[in-house]
Amino acid sequence: MIYNNTKILVDSLMKDKVPTSKICLDMTFGNGNDSYKMLSINENIEVYAFDIQKSCIDNARKIDNLKVINDSHLNFDKYINQKIDFVVFNLGYLPGGDKKITTDYDTIIKTLEKLLKVLSTEGQVVITFYPGHKPGLEESINIIAYLQKLNQKEFNVIRYDFINQINNPPFVCLIERIK
């Protein structure tokens, strides 16, 4: 397989973890592609998907194991009181949507602080960053600074970069709870 974009990489990470997962979260539902992909890998999982844009929620396909919630991912703990096995974030703005509606690093960090407490052992969080625009660059710098401080005895944090591409290409971080 040729890993020539972040989507292929994220799909590969999903294919590795989702088959053994029970509870998965899509923290930035958007068009639903990540949620639908997870369910195509394992139809027995429960996927909770969050988006603040009502249009995204209204356009969601009705699937039994998919709970699409019109709320900030910061509030995920109002809807889920179980250990979480796999989480995906796709930062930035919705392609084709309003570029003024974008993820915010402060909210992402607050969400991660809560999320990492309820991530199952060997649970994973996959975050795709888009530093090619100014808010995305600022977001990636601040979130990476937070991730670098995570306790290495509790978490592995891996950064996947396309280091030979120009114009600040997207990159992926994988956070994995090791104990």
C-alpha atoms as a PDB file:
ATOM      1  CA  MET A   1       0.000   0.000   0.000  1.00  0.00           C
ATOM      2  CA  ILE A   2       1.245   3.489  -0.810  1.00  0.00           C
ATOM      3  CA  TYR A   3       0.709   5.962   2.025  1.00  0.00           C
ATOM      4  CA  ASN A   4       0.442   9.101  -0.081  1.00  0.00           C
ATOM      5  CA  ASN A   5      -2.103  10.901   2.082  1.00  0.00           C
ATOM      6  CA  THR A   6      -3.317  11.005   5.659  1.00  0.00           C
ATOM      7  CA  LYS A   7      -6.674   9.379   4.875  1.00  0.00           C
ATOM      8  CA  ILE A   8      -4.964   6.148   3.786  1.00  0.00           C
ATOM      9  CA  LEU A   9      -2.902   6.192   6.972  1.00  0.00           C
ATOM     10  CA  VAL A  10      -5.930   6.810   9.209  1.00  0.00           C
ATOM     11  CA  ASP A  11      -7.874   4.058   7.424  1.00  0.00           C
ATOM     12  CA  SER A  12      -4.973   1.684   8.063  1.00  0.00           C
ATOM     13  CA  LEU A  13      -4.903   2.587  11.758  1.00  0.00           C
ATOM     14  CA  MET A  14      -8.677   2.035  11.917  1.00  0.00           C
ATOM     15  CA  LYS A  15      -8.403  -1.365  10.234  1.00  0.00           C
ATOM     16  CA  ASP A  16      -5.853  -2.365  12.842  1.00  0.00           C
ATOM     17  CA  LYS A  17      -7.781  -1.274  15.968  1.00  0.00           C
ATOM     18  CA  VAL A  18     -11.511  -1.127  15.199  1.00  0.00           C
ATOM     19  CA  PRO A  19     -12.022  -4.908  14.730  1.00  0.00           C
ATOM     20  CA  THR A  20     -11.291  -5.452  18.445  1.00  0.00           C
ATOM     21  CA  SER A  21     -13.113  -2.332  19.655  1.00  0.00           C
ATOM     22  CA  LYS A  22     -16.517  -1.955  21.297  1.00  0.00           C
ATOM     23  CA  ILE A  23     -16.938   1.800  21.777  1.00  0.00           C
ATOM     24  CA  CYS A  24     -15.610   4.258  19.174  1.00  0.00           C
ATOM     25  CA  LEU A  25     -15.932   8.008  18.878  1.00  0.00           C
ATOM     26  CA  ASP A  26     -15.852  10.303  15.872  1.00  0.00           C
ATOM     27  CA  MET A  27     -15.219  13.661  17.491  1.00  0.00           C
ATOM     28  CA  THR A  28     -15.626  15.682  14.282  1.00  0.00           C
ATOM     29  CA  PHE A  29     -18.425  13.965  12.344  1.00  0.00           C
ATOM     30  CA  GLY A  30     -18.584  16.321   9.339  1.00  0.00           C
ATOM     31  CA  ASN A  31     -19.682  14.245   6.340  1.00  0.00           C
ATOM     32  CA  GLY A  32     -19.506  11.057   8.399  1.00  0.00           C
ATOM     33  CA  ASN A  33     -16.774   9.309   6.442  1.00  0.00           C
ATOM     34  CA  ASP A  34     -14.797   8.198   9.499  1.00  0.00           C
ATOM     35  CA  SER A  35     -17.911   6.924  11.284  1.00  0.00           C
ATOM     36  CA  TYR A  36     -19.092   4.989   8.249  1.00  0.00           C
ATOM     37  CA  LYS A  37     -15.597   3.560   7.752  1.00  0.00           C
ATOM     38  CA  MET A  38     -15.445   2.310  11.345  1.00  0.00           C
ATOM     39  CA  LEU A  39     -18.846   0.648  10.981  1.00  0.00           C
ATOM     40  CA  SER A  40     -17.804  -0.963   7.695  1.00  0.00           C
ATOM     41  CA  ILE A  41     -14.827  -2.502   9.514  1.00  0.00           C
ATOM     42  CA  ASN A  42     -16.836  -3.740  12.511  1.00  0.00           C
ATOM     43  CA  GLU A  43     -20.625  -3.597  12.359  1.00  0.00           C
ATOM     44  CA  ASN A  44     -20.886  -4.643  16.031  1.00  0.00           C
ATOM     45  CA  ILE A  45     -19.252  -1.539  17.499  1.00  0.00           C
ATOM     46  CA  GLU A  46     -21.092   1.449  18.894  1.00  0.00           C
ATOM     47  CA  VAL A  47     -20.018   4.724  17.295  1.00  0.00           C
ATOM     48  CA  TYR A  48     -20.780   8.037  18.945  1.00  0.00           C
ATOM     49  CA  ALA A  49     -20.255  10.938  16.548  1.00  0.00           C
ATOM     50  CA  PHE A  50     -20.201  14.611  17.483  1.00  0.00           C
ATOM     51  CA  ASP A  51     -20.583  17.771  15.446  1.00  0.00           C
ATOM     52  CA  ILE A  52     -21.709  21.292  16.289  1.00  0.00           C
ATOM     53  CA  GLN A  53     -23.058  21.874  12.761  1.00  0.00           C
ATOM     54  CA  LYS A  54     -26.707  20.881  12.559  1.00  0.00           C
ATOM     55  CA  SER A  55     -26.475  20.407   8.786  1.00  0.00           C
ATOM     56  CA  CYS A  56     -23.956  17.591   9.341  1.00  0.00           C
ATOM     57  CA  ILE A  57     -26.296  15.882  11.785  1.00  0.00           C
ATOM     58  CA  ASP A  58     -29.290  16.280   9.461  1.00  0.00           C
ATOM     59  CA  ASN A  59     -27.367  14.676   6.583  1.00  0.00           C
ATOM     60  CA  ALA A  60     -26.241  11.646   8.601  1.00  0.00           C
ATOM     61  CA  ARG A  61     -27.322   8.203   7.444  1.00  0.00           C
ATOM     62  CA  LYS A  62     -29.550   6.372   9.907  1.00  0.00           C
ATOM     63  CA  ILE A  63     -27.586   3.355  11.146  1.00  0.00           C
ATOM     64  CA  ASP A  64     -28.451   1.396  14.297  1.00  0.00           C
ATOM     65  CA  ASN A  65     -24.981   1.427  15.864  1.00  0.00           C
ATOM     66  CA  LEU A  66     -24.322   5.082  15.013  1.00  0.00           C
ATOM     67  CA  LYS A  67     -25.380   7.782  17.452  1.00  0.00           C
ATOM     68  CA  VAL A  68     -24.893  11.199  15.868  1.00  0.00           C
ATOM     69  CA  ILE A  69     -24.981  13.974  18.444  1.00  0.00           C
ATOM     70  CA  ASN A  70     -25.373  17.700  17.766  1.00  0.00           C
ATOM     71  CA  ASP A  71     -22.994  18.850  20.482  1.00  0.00           C
ATOM     72  CA  SER A  72     -19.350  19.706  21.029  1.00  0.00           C
ATOM     73  CA  HIS A  73     -16.947  16.806  21.442  1.00  0.00           C
ATOM     74  CA  LEU A  74     -16.005  18.491  24.721  1.00  0.00           C
ATOM     75  CA  ASN A  75     -19.302  17.179  26.109  1.00  0.00           C
ATOM     76  CA  PHE A  76     -18.795  13.540  25.077  1.00  0.00           C
ATOM     77  CA  ASP A  77     -18.910  12.443  28.717  1.00  0.00           C
ATOM     78  CA  LYS A  78     -22.574  13.513  28.960  1.00  0.00           C
ATOM     79  CA  TYR A  79     -23.438  10.727  26.513  1.00  0.00           C
ATOM     80  CA  ILE A  80     -20.949   7.946  27.285  1.00  0.00           C
ATOM     81  CA  ASN A  81     -20.033   6.422  30.636  1.00  0.00           C
ATOM     82  CA  GLN A  82     -17.920   3.502  29.417  1.00  0.00           C
ATOM     83  CA  LYS A  83     -14.283   2.961  28.542  1.00  0.00           C
ATOM     84  CA  ILE A  84     -13.523   4.087  24.996  1.00  0.00           C
ATOM     85  CA  ASP A  85     -11.448   1.982  22.606  1.00  0.00           C
ATOM     86  CA  PHE A  86     -10.888   4.120  19.519  1.00  0.00           C
ATOM     87  CA  VAL A  87     -11.291   7.824  18.783  1.00  0.00           C
ATOM     88  CA  VAL A  88     -10.786   9.862  15.633  1.00  0.00           C
ATOM     89  CA  PHE A  89     -10.444  13.638  15.260  1.00  0.00           C
ATOM     90  CA  ASN A  90     -10.235  15.359  11.875  1.00  0.00           C
ATOM     91  CA  LEU A  91      -9.264  18.923  12.742  1.00  0.00           C
ATOM     92  CA  GLY A  92      -9.854  22.157  10.865  1.00  0.00           C
ATOM     93  CA  TYR A  93     -12.994  22.979   8.932  1.00  0.00           C
ATOM     94  CA  LEU A  94     -15.462  20.884   6.955  1.00  0.00           C
ATOM     95  CA  PRO A  95     -14.343  20.620   3.308  1.00  0.00           C
ATOM     96  CA  GLY A  96     -16.884  22.533   1.244  1.00  0.00           C
ATOM     97  CA  GLY A  97     -18.333  24.048   4.418  1.00  0.00           C
ATOM     98  CA  ASP A  98     -18.025  27.357   6.210  1.00  0.00           C
ATOM     99  CA  LYS A  99     -14.293  27.934   6.817  1.00  0.00           C
ATOM    100  CA  LYS A 100     -15.178  30.178   9.760  1.00  0.00           C
ATOM    101  CA  ILE A 101     -16.458  27.117  11.637  1.00  0.00           C
ATOM    102  CA  THR A 102     -13.289  25.355  12.687  1.00  0.00           C
ATOM    103  CA  THR A 103     -11.953  23.271  15.512  1.00  0.00           C
ATOM    104  CA  ASP A 104     -10.209  25.123  18.317  1.00  0.00           C
ATOM    105  CA  TYR A 105      -7.037  23.925  20.021  1.00  0.00           C
ATOM    106  CA  ASP A 106      -8.174  24.963  23.494  1.00  0.00           C
ATOM    107  CA  THR A 107     -11.353  22.882  23.194  1.00  0.00           C
ATOM    108  CA  ILE A 108      -9.422  19.955  21.687  1.00  0.00           C
ATOM    109  CA  ILE A 109      -6.945  19.970  24.586  1.00  0.00           C
ATOM    110  CA  LYS A 110      -9.751  20.123  27.174  1.00  0.00           C
ATOM    111  CA  THR A 111     -11.475  17.250  25.384  1.00  0.00           C
ATOM    112  CA  LEU A 112      -8.255  15.210  25.323  1.00  0.00           C
ATOM    113  CA  GLU A 113      -7.718  15.810  29.050  1.00  0.00           C
ATOM    114  CA  LYS A 114     -11.110  14.238  29.777  1.00  0.00           C
ATOM    115  CA  LEU A 115     -10.880  11.600  27.064  1.00  0.00           C
ATOM    116  CA  LEU A 116      -7.514  10.167  28.030  1.00  0.00           C
ATOM    117  CA  LYS A 117      -8.878   9.387  31.509  1.00  0.00           C
ATOM    118  CA  VAL A 118     -11.519   7.058  30.036  1.00  0.00           C
ATOM    119  CA  LEU A 119      -9.490   5.569  27.186  1.00  0.00           C
ATOM    120  CA  SER A 120      -9.215   1.800  27.581  1.00  0.00           C
ATOM    121  CA  THR A 121      -5.844   0.088  27.954  1.00  0.00           C
ATOM    122  CA  GLU A 122      -4.458  -0.183  24.404  1.00  0.00           C
ATOM    123  CA  GLY A 123      -7.140   2.302  23.342  1.00  0.00           C
ATOM    124  CA  GLN A 124      -6.160   4.740  20.612  1.00  0.00           C
ATOM    125  CA  VAL A 125      -6.848   8.327  19.613  1.00  0.00           C
ATOM    126  CA  VAL A 126      -6.037   9.332  16.027  1.00  0.00           C
ATOM    127  CA  ILE A 127      -5.829  13.043  15.209  1.00  0.00           C
ATOM    128  CA  THR A 128      -5.393  14.469  11.711  1.00  0.00           C
ATOM    129  CA  PHE A 129      -3.916  17.977  11.679  1.00  0.00           C
ATOM    130  CA  TYR A 130      -4.117  20.488   8.811  1.00  0.00           C
ATOM    131  CA  PRO A 131      -1.369  23.096   9.368  1.00  0.00           C
ATOM    132  CA  GLY A 132      -1.579  24.455   5.800  1.00  0.00           C
ATOM    133  CA  HIS A 133      -3.740  27.404   6.919  1.00  0.00           C
ATOM    134  CA  LYS A 134      -2.989  29.823   9.763  1.00  0.00           C
ATOM    135  CA  PRO A 135      -5.580  28.589  12.309  1.00  0.00           C
ATOM    136  CA  GLY A 136      -4.580  24.987  11.568  1.00  0.00           C
ATOM    137  CA  LEU A 137      -0.898  25.760  12.091  1.00  0.00           C
ATOM    138  CA  GLU A 138      -1.600  27.461  15.420  1.00  0.00           C
ATOM    139  CA  GLU A 139      -3.840  24.558  16.421  1.00  0.00           C
ATOM    140  CA  SER A 140      -1.207  21.945  15.565  1.00  0.00           C
ATOM    141  CA  ILE A 141       1.568  23.783  17.445  1.00  0.00           C
ATOM    142  CA  ASN A 142      -0.508  24.043  20.626  1.00  0.00           C
ATOM    143  CA  ILE A 143      -1.893  20.504  20.591  1.00  0.00           C
ATOM    144  CA  ILE A 144       1.530  18.995  19.854  1.00  0.00           C
ATOM    145  CA  ALA A 145       2.944  20.953  22.814  1.00  0.00           C
ATOM    146  CA  TYR A 146       0.252  19.351  24.994  1.00  0.00           C
ATOM    147  CA  LEU A 147       0.855  15.851  23.603  1.00  0.00           C
ATOM    148  CA  GLN A 148       4.608  16.107  24.202  1.00  0.00           C
ATOM    149  CA  LYS A 149       3.896  16.434  27.927  1.00  0.00           C
ATOM    150  CA  LEU A 150       1.867  13.215  28.242  1.00  0.00           C
ATOM    151  CA  ASN A 151       3.414  10.675  30.606  1.00  0.00           C
ATOM    152  CA  GLN A 152       5.411   8.200  28.519  1.00  0.00           C
ATOM    153  CA  LYS A 153       4.698   5.467  31.072  1.00  0.00           C
ATOM    154  CA  GLU A 154       0.977   5.793  30.317  1.00  0.00           C
ATOM    155  CA  PHE A 155       0.865   6.795  26.644  1.00  0.00           C
ATOM    156  CA  ASN A 156       2.736   6.336  23.406  1.00  0.00           C
ATOM    157  CA  VAL A 157       2.389   9.347  21.117  1.00  0.00           C
ATOM    158  CA  ILE A 158       3.461   8.836  17.513  1.00  0.00           C
ATOM    159  CA  ARG A 159       3.559  11.548  14.847  1.00  0.00           C
ATOM    160  CA  TYR A 160       3.289  10.577  11.177  1.00  0.00           C
ATOM    161  CA  ASP A 161       4.614  13.342   8.890  1.00  0.00           C
ATOM    162  CA  PHE A 162       5.171  13.694   5.169  1.00  0.00           C
ATOM    163  CA  ILE A 163       8.556  15.341   5.657  1.00  0.00           C
ATOM    164  CA  ASN A 164       9.369  15.801   1.964  1.00  0.00           C
ATOM    165  CA  GLN A 165       6.141  17.621   1.005  1.00  0.00           C
ATOM    166  CA  ILE A 166       5.801  21.387   0.743  1.00  0.00           C
ATOM    167  CA  ASN A 167       3.254  23.855   2.152  1.00  0.00           C
ATOM    168  CA  ASN A 168       2.771  22.344   5.623  1.00  0.00           C
ATOM    169  CA  PRO A 169       1.010  19.108   4.601  1.00  0.00           C
ATOM    170  CA  PRO A 170      -1.470  17.371   6.894  1.00  0.00           C
ATOM    171  CA  PHE A 171      -0.080  14.987   9.473  1.00  0.00           C
ATOM    172  CA  VAL A 172      -1.422  12.416  11.912  1.00  0.00           C
ATOM    173  CA  CYS A 173      -0.792  11.746  15.586  1.00  0.00           C
ATOM    174  CA  LEU A 174      -1.625   8.463  17.277  1.00  0.00           C
ATOM    175  CA  ILE A 175      -2.054   8.380  21.045  1.00  0.00           C
ATOM    176  CA  GLU A 176      -2.144   4.918  22.583  1.00  0.00           C
ATOM    177  CA  ARG A 177      -2.778   4.114  26.245  1.00  0.00           C
ATOM    178  CA  ILE A 178      -0.213   1.569  27.375  1.00  0.00           C
ATOM    179  CA  LYS A 179      -1.438   1.137  30.962  1.00  0.00           C
END
